[in-house]
Amino acid sequence: MIPWKTFGQENFRWSVRLGNRLLWSADREDTAAHTVHGPLALNHSEAGLIIQVTDKPESGSRPAWIRYFGLFDERDSEWLRVKDRNTLAVTSIFLKDFFRRRARLTVFSWVIPRDPRLAAQIRIRRVHLCSFVTD
């Protein structure tokens, strides 16, 4: 059995920015603390949502795993997936369009090993990074 922390699910931090404001920086999941309720005040000139993940360095130049980000709605339908990056950037235009149709946006991150044999043996666990709920 391979411990989940081996493949980047532990030992990483993330920061969440909405527009030019830093909402929080964290290294542990806390769904209640990392959920913003109410309308999002964004204009078209702002960057939108930016999530930056900082992994603790590994030995060697290439990580043994691939990081994914996923944006999900209240039905757990995936709207966007970003592969093999440490930054997720979502435009304010996308966010405004999304919230015209949906009431909740949740961002998860997960990792899988680069080695396909190891990837077939592990269970993927999503890590909750943040949620935005318009009431």
N, C-alpha and C. Protein backbone atom coordinates (compact mmCIF):
# COMPACT_ATOMS: atom_id res chain seq x y z
N MET A 1 0.84 -1.18 0.00
CA MET A 1 0.00 0.00 0.00
C MET A 1 0.89 1.24 0.00
N ILE A 2 0.48 2.22 -0.75
CA ILE A 2 1.25 3.46 -0.91
C ILE A 2 0.55 4.55 -0.10
N PRO A 3 1.25 5.18 0.84
CA PRO A 3 0.58 6.25 1.59
C PRO A 3 0.26 7.43 0.69
N TRP A 4 -0.93 8.06 0.92
CA TRP A 4 -1.37 9.16 0.06
C TRP A 4 -0.45 10.34 0.15
N LYS A 5 0.22 10.55 1.28
CA LYS A 5 1.10 11.70 1.40
C LYS A 5 2.33 11.58 0.51
N THR A 6 2.61 10.37 0.04
CA THR A 6 3.76 10.18 -0.84
C THR A 6 3.63 10.99 -2.12
N PHE A 7 2.42 11.19 -2.59
CA PHE A 7 2.22 11.81 -3.89
C PHE A 7 1.63 13.21 -3.80
N GLY A 8 2.16 14.04 -2.92
CA GLY A 8 1.82 15.45 -2.94
C GLY A 8 0.53 15.85 -2.30
N GLN A 9 -0.22 14.93 -1.69
CA GLN A 9 -1.45 15.30 -1.03
C GLN A 9 -1.18 15.93 0.33
N GLU A 10 -0.01 15.79 0.81
CA GLU A 10 0.40 16.41 2.05
C GLU A 10 1.59 17.29 1.71
N ASN A 11 1.95 18.14 2.61
CA ASN A 11 3.13 19.00 2.42
C ASN A 11 2.97 19.99 1.29
N PHE A 12 1.80 20.56 1.17
CA PHE A 12 1.63 21.66 0.23
C PHE A 12 0.77 22.72 0.86
N ARG A 13 0.95 23.94 0.41
CA ARG A 13 0.16 25.10 0.85
C ARG A 13 -0.52 25.70 -0.36
N TRP A 14 -1.58 26.40 -0.11
CA TRP A 14 -2.23 27.11 -1.20
C TRP A 14 -2.71 28.46 -0.71
N SER A 15 -2.77 29.37 -1.64
CA SER A 15 -3.33 30.69 -1.35
C SER A 15 -4.45 30.94 -2.35
N VAL A 16 -5.47 31.64 -1.87
CA VAL A 16 -6.64 31.94 -2.69
C VAL A 16 -6.78 33.45 -2.79
N ARG A 17 -6.81 33.94 -4.01
CA ARG A 17 -7.00 35.37 -4.27
C ARG A 17 -8.27 35.55 -5.08
N LEU A 18 -9.01 36.56 -4.73
CA LEU A 18 -10.19 36.95 -5.50
C LEU A 18 -9.96 38.38 -5.91
N GLY A 19 -9.77 38.59 -7.20
CA GLY A 19 -9.36 39.92 -7.66
C GLY A 19 -7.97 40.21 -7.12
N ASN A 20 -7.81 41.34 -6.49
CA ASN A 20 -6.52 41.71 -5.92
C ASN A 20 -6.41 41.39 -4.44
N ARG A 21 -7.44 40.77 -3.86
CA ARG A 21 -7.46 40.50 -2.43
C ARG A 21 -7.04 39.07 -2.12
N LEU A 22 -6.14 38.93 -1.16
CA LEU A 22 -5.79 37.61 -0.65
C LEU A 22 -6.86 37.20 0.35
N LEU A 23 -7.59 36.13 0.05
CA LEU A 23 -8.64 35.67 0.95
C LEU A 23 -8.07 34.85 2.09
N TRP A 24 -7.18 33.92 1.77
CA TRP A 24 -6.51 33.12 2.79
C TRP A 24 -5.37 32.35 2.19
N SER A 25 -4.53 31.88 3.07
CA SER A 25 -3.44 30.98 2.74
C SER A 25 -3.55 29.82 3.72
N ALA A 26 -3.47 28.59 3.24
CA ALA A 26 -3.73 27.45 4.11
C ALA A 26 -2.84 26.26 3.76
N ASP A 27 -2.76 25.35 4.70
CA ASP A 27 -2.09 24.08 4.44
C ASP A 27 -2.92 22.90 4.94
N ARG A 28 -4.15 23.16 5.37
CA ARG A 28 -5.07 22.12 5.82
C ARG A 28 -6.47 22.40 5.27
N GLU A 29 -7.20 21.32 5.02
CA GLU A 29 -8.58 21.47 4.58
C GLU A 29 -9.45 21.95 5.74
N ASP A 30 -10.32 22.88 5.44
CA ASP A 30 -11.33 23.34 6.39
C ASP A 30 -12.47 23.90 5.55
N THR A 31 -13.42 23.04 5.23
CA THR A 31 -14.48 23.41 4.31
C THR A 31 -15.26 24.63 4.79
N ALA A 32 -15.57 24.69 6.07
CA ALA A 32 -16.33 25.82 6.60
C ALA A 32 -15.54 27.12 6.51
N ALA A 33 -14.28 27.08 6.88
CA ALA A 33 -13.46 28.30 6.87
C ALA A 33 -13.09 28.73 5.46
N HIS A 34 -13.06 27.80 4.52
CA HIS A 34 -12.64 28.12 3.16
C HIS A 34 -13.83 28.22 2.20
N THR A 35 -14.97 28.67 2.74
CA THR A 35 -16.16 28.90 1.93
C THR A 35 -16.57 30.35 2.09
N VAL A 36 -16.78 31.02 0.96
CA VAL A 36 -17.21 32.42 0.95
C VAL A 36 -18.68 32.44 0.55
N HIS A 37 -19.51 33.09 1.37
CA HIS A 37 -20.95 33.21 1.09
C HIS A 37 -21.25 34.63 0.63
N GLY A 38 -22.18 34.75 -0.29
CA GLY A 38 -22.61 36.06 -0.76
C GLY A 38 -22.13 36.35 -2.16
N PRO A 39 -22.60 37.43 -2.74
CA PRO A 39 -22.21 37.77 -4.11
C PRO A 39 -20.74 38.17 -4.18
N LEU A 40 -20.13 37.85 -5.31
CA LEU A 40 -18.73 38.21 -5.53
C LEU A 40 -18.67 39.56 -6.22
N ALA A 41 -17.96 40.47 -5.63
CA ALA A 41 -17.82 41.82 -6.21
C ALA A 41 -16.57 41.85 -7.07
N LEU A 42 -16.75 41.62 -8.36
CA LEU A 42 -15.64 41.63 -9.32
C LEU A 42 -15.99 42.53 -10.48
N ASN A 43 -14.97 43.17 -11.03
CA ASN A 43 -15.19 43.89 -12.28
C ASN A 43 -14.34 43.24 -13.36
N HIS A 44 -14.56 43.58 -14.59
CA HIS A 44 -13.88 42.91 -15.71
C HIS A 44 -12.38 43.14 -15.72
N SER A 45 -11.91 44.18 -15.07
CA SER A 45 -10.47 44.45 -15.11
C SER A 45 -9.70 43.63 -14.09
N GLU A 46 -10.40 43.01 -13.14
CA GLU A 46 -9.70 42.22 -12.14
C GLU A 46 -9.39 40.83 -12.67
N ALA A 47 -8.46 40.19 -12.00
CA ALA A 47 -7.97 38.89 -12.45
C ALA A 47 -8.97 37.76 -12.22
N GLY A 48 -9.91 37.90 -11.32
CA GLY A 48 -10.83 36.82 -11.02
C GLY A 48 -10.30 36.00 -9.87
N LEU A 49 -10.35 34.69 -10.01
CA LEU A 49 -9.92 33.77 -8.97
C LEU A 49 -8.55 33.22 -9.32
N ILE A 50 -7.61 33.32 -8.38
CA ILE A 50 -6.27 32.77 -8.58
C ILE A 50 -5.94 31.91 -7.38
N ILE A 51 -5.60 30.66 -7.63
CA ILE A 51 -5.18 29.74 -6.57
C ILE A 51 -3.77 29.30 -6.90
N GLN A 52 -2.88 29.54 -5.98
CA GLN A 52 -1.47 29.19 -6.14
C GLN A 52 -1.13 28.10 -5.14
N VAL A 53 -0.60 26.99 -5.63
CA VAL A 53 -0.18 25.88 -4.77
C VAL A 53 1.33 25.88 -4.71
N THR A 54 1.85 25.74 -3.50
CA THR A 54 3.29 25.65 -3.30
C THR A 54 3.58 24.30 -2.68
N ASP A 55 4.24 23.45 -3.43
CA ASP A 55 4.61 22.13 -2.94
C ASP A 55 5.98 22.20 -2.29
N LYS A 56 6.17 21.39 -1.26
CA LYS A 56 7.51 21.29 -0.70
C LYS A 56 8.37 20.55 -1.71
N PRO A 57 9.61 20.99 -1.88
CA PRO A 57 10.45 20.40 -2.93
C PRO A 57 10.75 18.93 -2.67
N GLU A 58 10.86 18.21 -3.75
CA GLU A 58 11.25 16.80 -3.71
C GLU A 58 12.69 16.69 -4.18
N SER A 59 13.28 15.54 -3.93
CA SER A 59 14.60 15.32 -4.50
C SER A 59 14.43 15.06 -5.98
N GLY A 60 15.29 15.58 -6.77
CA GLY A 60 15.16 15.45 -8.22
C GLY A 60 14.46 16.66 -8.79
N SER A 61 14.46 16.77 -10.10
CA SER A 61 13.93 17.96 -10.73
C SER A 61 12.45 17.86 -11.09
N ARG A 62 11.94 16.65 -11.28
CA ARG A 62 10.56 16.48 -11.72
C ARG A 62 9.75 15.78 -10.63
N PRO A 63 8.61 16.33 -10.25
CA PRO A 63 7.80 15.67 -9.22
C PRO A 63 7.35 14.29 -9.68
N ALA A 64 7.13 13.42 -8.73
CA ALA A 64 6.70 12.05 -9.02
C ALA A 64 5.21 11.96 -9.30
N TRP A 65 4.51 13.08 -9.25
CA TRP A 65 3.06 13.09 -9.40
C TRP A 65 2.62 14.26 -10.28
N ILE A 66 1.39 14.20 -10.73
CA ILE A 66 0.79 15.24 -11.56
C ILE A 66 -0.35 15.87 -10.77
N ARG A 67 -0.33 17.19 -10.63
CA ARG A 67 -1.38 17.90 -9.90
C ARG A 67 -2.50 18.31 -10.86
N TYR A 68 -3.72 18.19 -10.40
CA TYR A 68 -4.91 18.62 -11.13
C TYR A 68 -5.68 19.62 -10.27
N PHE A 69 -6.36 20.54 -10.93
CA PHE A 69 -7.36 21.40 -10.30
C PHE A 69 -8.68 21.11 -11.00
N GLY A 70 -9.76 21.16 -10.26
CA GLY A 70 -11.07 20.99 -10.85
C GLY A 70 -12.06 21.96 -10.26
N LEU A 71 -12.90 22.54 -11.11
CA LEU A 71 -13.98 23.42 -10.67
C LEU A 71 -15.28 22.65 -10.82
N PHE A 72 -16.06 22.62 -9.73
CA PHE A 72 -17.29 21.85 -9.69
C PHE A 72 -18.44 22.72 -9.22
N ASP A 73 -19.65 22.40 -9.69
CA ASP A 73 -20.83 23.13 -9.24
C ASP A 73 -21.50 22.38 -8.09
N GLU A 74 -22.69 22.84 -7.69
CA GLU A 74 -23.38 22.24 -6.55
C GLU A 74 -23.84 20.82 -6.81
N ARG A 75 -23.90 20.41 -8.05
CA ARG A 75 -24.27 19.03 -8.41
C ARG A 75 -23.05 18.13 -8.54
N ASP A 76 -21.89 18.67 -8.24
CA ASP A 76 -20.61 17.98 -8.38
C ASP A 76 -20.29 17.68 -9.86
N SER A 77 -20.81 18.52 -10.74
CA SER A 77 -20.48 18.43 -12.16
C SER A 77 -19.21 19.24 -12.40
N GLU A 78 -18.29 18.64 -13.13
CA GLU A 78 -17.02 19.30 -13.39
C GLU A 78 -17.17 20.30 -14.53
N TRP A 79 -16.74 21.54 -14.28
CA TRP A 79 -16.81 22.61 -15.28
C TRP A 79 -15.47 22.89 -15.92
N LEU A 80 -14.41 22.65 -15.20
CA LEU A 80 -13.08 22.95 -15.71
C LEU A 80 -12.07 22.06 -15.02
N ARG A 81 -11.09 21.59 -15.79
CA ARG A 81 -9.99 20.80 -15.22
C ARG A 81 -8.68 21.34 -15.79
N VAL A 82 -7.74 21.53 -14.90
CA VAL A 82 -6.40 22.01 -15.29
C VAL A 82 -5.40 20.97 -14.82
N LYS A 83 -4.51 20.57 -15.72
CA LYS A 83 -3.57 19.48 -15.43
C LYS A 83 -2.14 19.99 -15.38
N ASP A 84 -1.40 19.48 -14.42
CA ASP A 84 0.06 19.65 -14.32
C ASP A 84 0.48 21.11 -14.19
N ARG A 85 -0.20 21.85 -13.37
CA ARG A 85 0.15 23.24 -13.08
C ARG A 85 0.05 23.46 -11.58
N ASN A 86 0.75 24.48 -11.10
CA ASN A 86 0.66 24.84 -9.69
C ASN A 86 -0.21 26.08 -9.48
N THR A 87 -0.74 26.64 -10.55
CA THR A 87 -1.58 27.82 -10.45
C THR A 87 -2.85 27.61 -11.27
N LEU A 88 -3.96 27.97 -10.66
CA LEU A 88 -5.24 27.98 -11.36
C LEU A 88 -5.69 29.42 -11.42
N ALA A 89 -5.96 29.91 -12.62
CA ALA A 89 -6.44 31.28 -12.81
C ALA A 89 -7.76 31.21 -13.58
N VAL A 90 -8.81 31.78 -12.99
CA VAL A 90 -10.13 31.81 -13.59
C VAL A 90 -10.52 33.27 -13.75
N THR A 91 -10.92 33.66 -14.93
CA THR A 91 -11.24 35.06 -15.20
C THR A 91 -12.52 35.50 -14.50
N SER A 92 -12.63 36.79 -14.27
CA SER A 92 -13.86 37.33 -13.66
C SER A 92 -15.05 37.14 -14.60
N ILE A 93 -14.82 37.16 -15.89
CA ILE A 93 -15.89 36.95 -16.86
C ILE A 93 -16.45 35.53 -16.73
N PHE A 94 -15.56 34.53 -16.59
CA PHE A 94 -15.99 33.15 -16.39
C PHE A 94 -16.81 33.04 -15.10
N LEU A 95 -16.32 33.67 -14.02
CA LEU A 95 -17.02 33.60 -12.73
C LEU A 95 -18.41 34.21 -12.80
N LYS A 96 -18.52 35.36 -13.44
CA LYS A 96 -19.84 36.01 -13.56
C LYS A 96 -20.79 35.14 -14.37
N ASP A 97 -20.31 34.58 -15.46
CA ASP A 97 -21.14 33.70 -16.28
C ASP A 97 -21.53 32.44 -15.50
N PHE A 98 -20.59 31.88 -14.78
CA PHE A 98 -20.85 30.68 -13.99
C PHE A 98 -21.96 30.94 -12.97
N PHE A 99 -21.86 32.06 -12.23
CA PHE A 99 -22.83 32.33 -11.17
C PHE A 99 -24.18 32.81 -11.69
N ARG A 100 -24.28 33.11 -12.97
CA ARG A 100 -25.60 33.34 -13.55
C ARG A 100 -26.36 32.03 -13.69
N ARG A 101 -25.62 30.93 -13.82
CA ARG A 101 -26.22 29.62 -14.02
C ARG A 101 -26.25 28.75 -12.76
N ARG A 102 -25.27 28.91 -11.90
CA ARG A 102 -25.10 28.04 -10.74
C ARG A 102 -24.96 28.86 -9.47
N ALA A 103 -25.18 28.20 -8.33
CA ALA A 103 -25.15 28.89 -7.04
C ALA A 103 -23.88 28.58 -6.24
N ARG A 104 -23.16 27.53 -6.61
CA ARG A 104 -21.99 27.13 -5.82
C ARG A 104 -20.85 26.72 -6.74
N LEU A 105 -19.66 27.23 -6.44
CA LEU A 105 -18.43 26.85 -7.13
C LEU A 105 -17.48 26.29 -6.09
N THR A 106 -17.00 25.07 -6.32
CA THR A 106 -16.06 24.44 -5.41
C THR A 106 -14.81 24.08 -6.20
N VAL A 107 -13.65 24.37 -5.62
CA VAL A 107 -12.38 24.07 -6.26
C VAL A 107 -11.68 22.98 -5.46
N PHE A 108 -11.31 21.92 -6.15
CA PHE A 108 -10.57 20.81 -5.56
C PHE A 108 -9.23 20.68 -6.26
N SER A 109 -8.30 20.05 -5.57
CA SER A 109 -7.03 19.66 -6.18
C SER A 109 -6.79 18.19 -5.83
N TRP A 110 -6.16 17.49 -6.74
CA TRP A 110 -5.78 16.11 -6.48
C TRP A 110 -4.52 15.81 -7.27
N VAL A 111 -3.86 14.74 -6.90
CA VAL A 111 -2.64 14.35 -7.59
C VAL A 111 -2.71 12.88 -7.94
N ILE A 112 -2.03 12.53 -9.02
CA ILE A 112 -1.85 11.12 -9.37
C ILE A 112 -0.38 10.91 -9.70
N PRO A 113 0.13 9.72 -9.46
CA PRO A 113 1.52 9.44 -9.80
C PRO A 113 1.76 9.50 -11.30
N ARG A 114 2.94 9.93 -11.67
CA ARG A 114 3.30 9.91 -13.09
C ARG A 114 3.46 8.49 -13.61
N ASP A 115 3.84 7.59 -12.74
CA ASP A 115 4.02 6.19 -13.11
C ASP A 115 2.63 5.54 -13.26
N PRO A 116 2.25 5.10 -14.46
CA PRO A 116 0.91 4.54 -14.67
C PRO A 116 0.63 3.30 -13.82
N ARG A 117 1.66 2.50 -13.52
CA ARG A 117 1.44 1.31 -12.68
C ARG A 117 1.05 1.72 -11.26
N LEU A 118 1.71 2.73 -10.73
CA LEU A 118 1.35 3.21 -9.40
C LEU A 118 -0.01 3.90 -9.42
N ALA A 119 -0.29 4.65 -10.48
CA ALA A 119 -1.57 5.35 -10.59
C ALA A 119 -2.75 4.37 -10.58
N ALA A 120 -2.56 3.18 -11.13
CA ALA A 120 -3.62 2.18 -11.17
C ALA A 120 -3.86 1.54 -9.80
N GLN A 121 -2.92 1.73 -8.87
CA GLN A 121 -3.02 1.06 -7.57
C GLN A 121 -3.56 1.95 -6.44
N ILE A 122 -3.67 3.24 -6.68
CA ILE A 122 -4.05 4.12 -5.58
C ILE A 122 -5.47 4.65 -5.75
N ARG A 123 -6.02 5.11 -4.66
CA ARG A 123 -7.32 5.78 -4.68
C ARG A 123 -7.07 7.29 -4.69
N ILE A 124 -7.73 7.97 -5.60
CA ILE A 124 -7.56 9.41 -5.73
C ILE A 124 -8.44 10.10 -4.68
N ARG A 125 -7.89 11.06 -3.98
CA ARG A 125 -8.64 11.83 -3.00
C ARG A 125 -8.55 13.30 -3.36
N ARG A 126 -9.72 13.94 -3.52
CA ARG A 126 -9.75 15.37 -3.81
C ARG A 126 -9.55 16.15 -2.51
N VAL A 127 -8.77 17.22 -2.61
CA VAL A 127 -8.56 18.11 -1.48
C VAL A 127 -9.34 19.40 -1.75
N HIS A 128 -10.22 19.76 -0.82
CA HIS A 128 -11.04 20.97 -0.97
C HIS A 128 -10.15 22.19 -0.75
N LEU A 129 -10.07 23.06 -1.74
CA LEU A 129 -9.28 24.29 -1.60
C LEU A 129 -10.15 25.47 -1.23
N CYS A 130 -11.32 25.60 -1.87
CA CYS A 130 -12.22 26.70 -1.54
C CYS A 130 -13.58 26.48 -2.20
N SER A 131 -14.57 27.21 -1.67
CA SER A 131 -15.91 27.21 -2.26
C SER A 131 -16.45 28.63 -2.21
N PHE A 132 -17.30 28.93 -3.19
CA PHE A 132 -17.99 30.22 -3.25
C PHE A 132 -19.46 29.92 -3.45
N VAL A 133 -20.29 30.49 -2.57
CA VAL A 133 -21.72 30.21 -2.59
C VAL A 133 -22.44 31.55 -2.69
N THR A 134 -23.28 31.70 -3.71
CA THR A 134 -24.10 32.90 -3.82
C THR A 134 -25.47 32.57 -3.25
N ASP A 135 -25.90 33.34 -2.29
CA ASP A 135 -27.17 33.08 -1.61
C ASP A 135 -28.30 33.86 -2.22
